[in-house]
Protein backbone atom coordinates (compact mmCIF):
# COMPACT_ATOMS: atom_id res chain seq x y z
CA MET A 1 8.06 9.57 7.64
CA GLY A 2 10.03 9.74 4.43
CA GLY A 3 9.73 13.45 3.73
CA LEU A 4 6.02 13.35 2.93
CA GLY A 5 3.44 15.41 4.72
CA PHE A 6 0.05 14.16 5.79
CA ILE A 7 -1.62 14.97 2.45
CA GLY A 8 1.29 13.41 0.52
CA TRP A 9 0.88 10.14 2.44
CA ILE A 10 -2.86 10.13 1.72
CA ILE A 11 -2.34 10.74 -2.01
CA LEU A 12 0.58 8.31 -2.40
CA GLY A 13 -1.18 5.74 -0.19
CA GLY A 14 -4.42 6.07 -2.13
CA LEU A 15 -2.71 5.59 -5.50
CA ALA A 16 -0.52 2.70 -4.33
CA GLY A 17 -3.42 1.04 -2.52
CA TRP A 18 -5.67 1.36 -5.56
CA VAL A 19 -3.15 -0.23 -7.94
CA ALA A 20 -2.32 -2.91 -5.34
CA SER A 21 -6.02 -3.71 -4.93
CA MET A 22 -6.28 -4.30 -8.69
CA ILE A 23 -3.24 -6.61 -8.55
CA ALA A 24 -4.59 -8.47 -5.50
CA GLY A 25 -8.12 -8.66 -6.88
CA THR A 26 -9.71 -6.73 -4.00
CA ASN A 27 -10.57 -3.49 -5.80
CA ALA A 28 -14.31 -4.12 -6.19
CA ARG A 29 -14.89 -4.41 -2.44
CA GLN A 30 -12.11 -2.33 -0.92
CA GLY A 31 -13.20 1.27 -1.45
CA LEU A 32 -11.29 4.53 -1.24
CA LEU A 33 -10.57 4.40 2.48
CA GLY A 34 -9.36 0.80 2.20
CA ASN A 35 -7.05 1.81 -0.65
CA ILE A 36 -5.59 4.69 1.36
CA ILE A 37 -5.07 2.55 4.46
CA ALA A 38 -3.51 -0.31 2.47
CA GLY A 39 -1.22 2.15 0.68
CA ILE A 40 -0.06 3.94 3.82
CA ILE A 41 0.58 0.70 5.70
CA GLY A 42 2.16 -0.62 2.49
CA GLY A 43 4.49 2.37 2.33
CA ILE A 44 5.67 1.71 5.86
CA LEU A 45 5.99 -2.06 5.29
CA GLY A 46 7.61 -1.57 1.88
CA GLY A 47 10.15 0.84 3.39
CA PHE A 48 10.99 -1.76 6.02
CA VAL A 49 11.32 -4.58 3.46
CA PHE A 50 13.42 -2.50 1.05
CA GLY A 51 15.58 -1.38 4.00
CA LEU A 52 16.35 -5.02 4.81
CA PHE A 53 17.93 -5.31 1.36
CA GLY A 54 19.83 -2.03 1.61
CA GLY A 55 17.40 -0.01 -0.49
CA ALA A 56 15.72 3.26 0.32
CA GLY A 57 12.16 3.38 1.55
CA VAL A 58 9.70 6.16 0.81
CA THR A 59 11.83 9.20 -0.03
CA GLY A 60 9.18 11.71 -1.04
CA PHE A 61 6.48 12.06 -3.68
CA ASN A 62 8.22 10.29 -6.58
CA LEU A 63 8.11 7.10 -8.67
CA TRP A 64 10.49 5.20 -6.36
CA SER A 65 8.31 5.89 -3.32
CA PHE A 66 5.23 4.84 -5.28
CA LEU A 67 6.89 1.52 -6.17
CA VAL A 68 7.97 0.94 -2.55
CA ALA A 69 4.42 1.66 -1.32
CA LEU A 70 2.93 -0.50 -4.09
CA VAL A 71 5.06 -3.52 -3.20
CA GLY A 72 4.25 -3.06 0.47
CA ALA A 73 0.52 -2.63 -0.22
CA VAL A 74 0.42 -5.81 -2.32
CA ILE A 75 2.07 -7.68 0.56
CA VAL A 76 -0.45 -6.16 3.02
CA LEU A 77 -3.43 -7.14 0.84
CA PHE A 78 -2.24 -10.71 0.32
CA ILE A 79 -1.64 -11.07 4.07
CA TRP A 80 -5.13 -9.63 4.72
CA ARG A 81 -6.68 -12.09 2.26
CA ALA A 82 -4.82 -14.97 3.92
CA ILE A 83 -6.05 -13.92 7.37
CA THR A 84 -9.65 -13.38 6.31
CA GLY A 85 -9.73 -16.40 4.03
CA GLY A 86 -10.48 -14.24 1.01
CA ARG A 87 -14.04 -13.65 2.22
CA ARG A 88 -16.20 -11.45 0.08
CA THR A 89 -18.20 -8.81 1.86
CA THR A 90 -21.28 -7.17 0.46
CA ALA A 91 -22.50 -3.71 1.26
């Protein structure tokens, strides 16, 4: 999975998911676990999308991989908002 270990995916996913949640406007209700999940799924999706255009996916713990995961996480969050209708949940 792109040269990252389990901890690397959690850290990179958490950071990418957090920034993506601020871009998508979901940060206030998403939480740490939501950020990590969005970032990890985003890294996988981003790698797939970038691969379609001949680019590299997640290559390790570096700026490029962060950008790939960020783009993927933003896509994931906008798809999630479209599916859920942008519902707000309260804890």
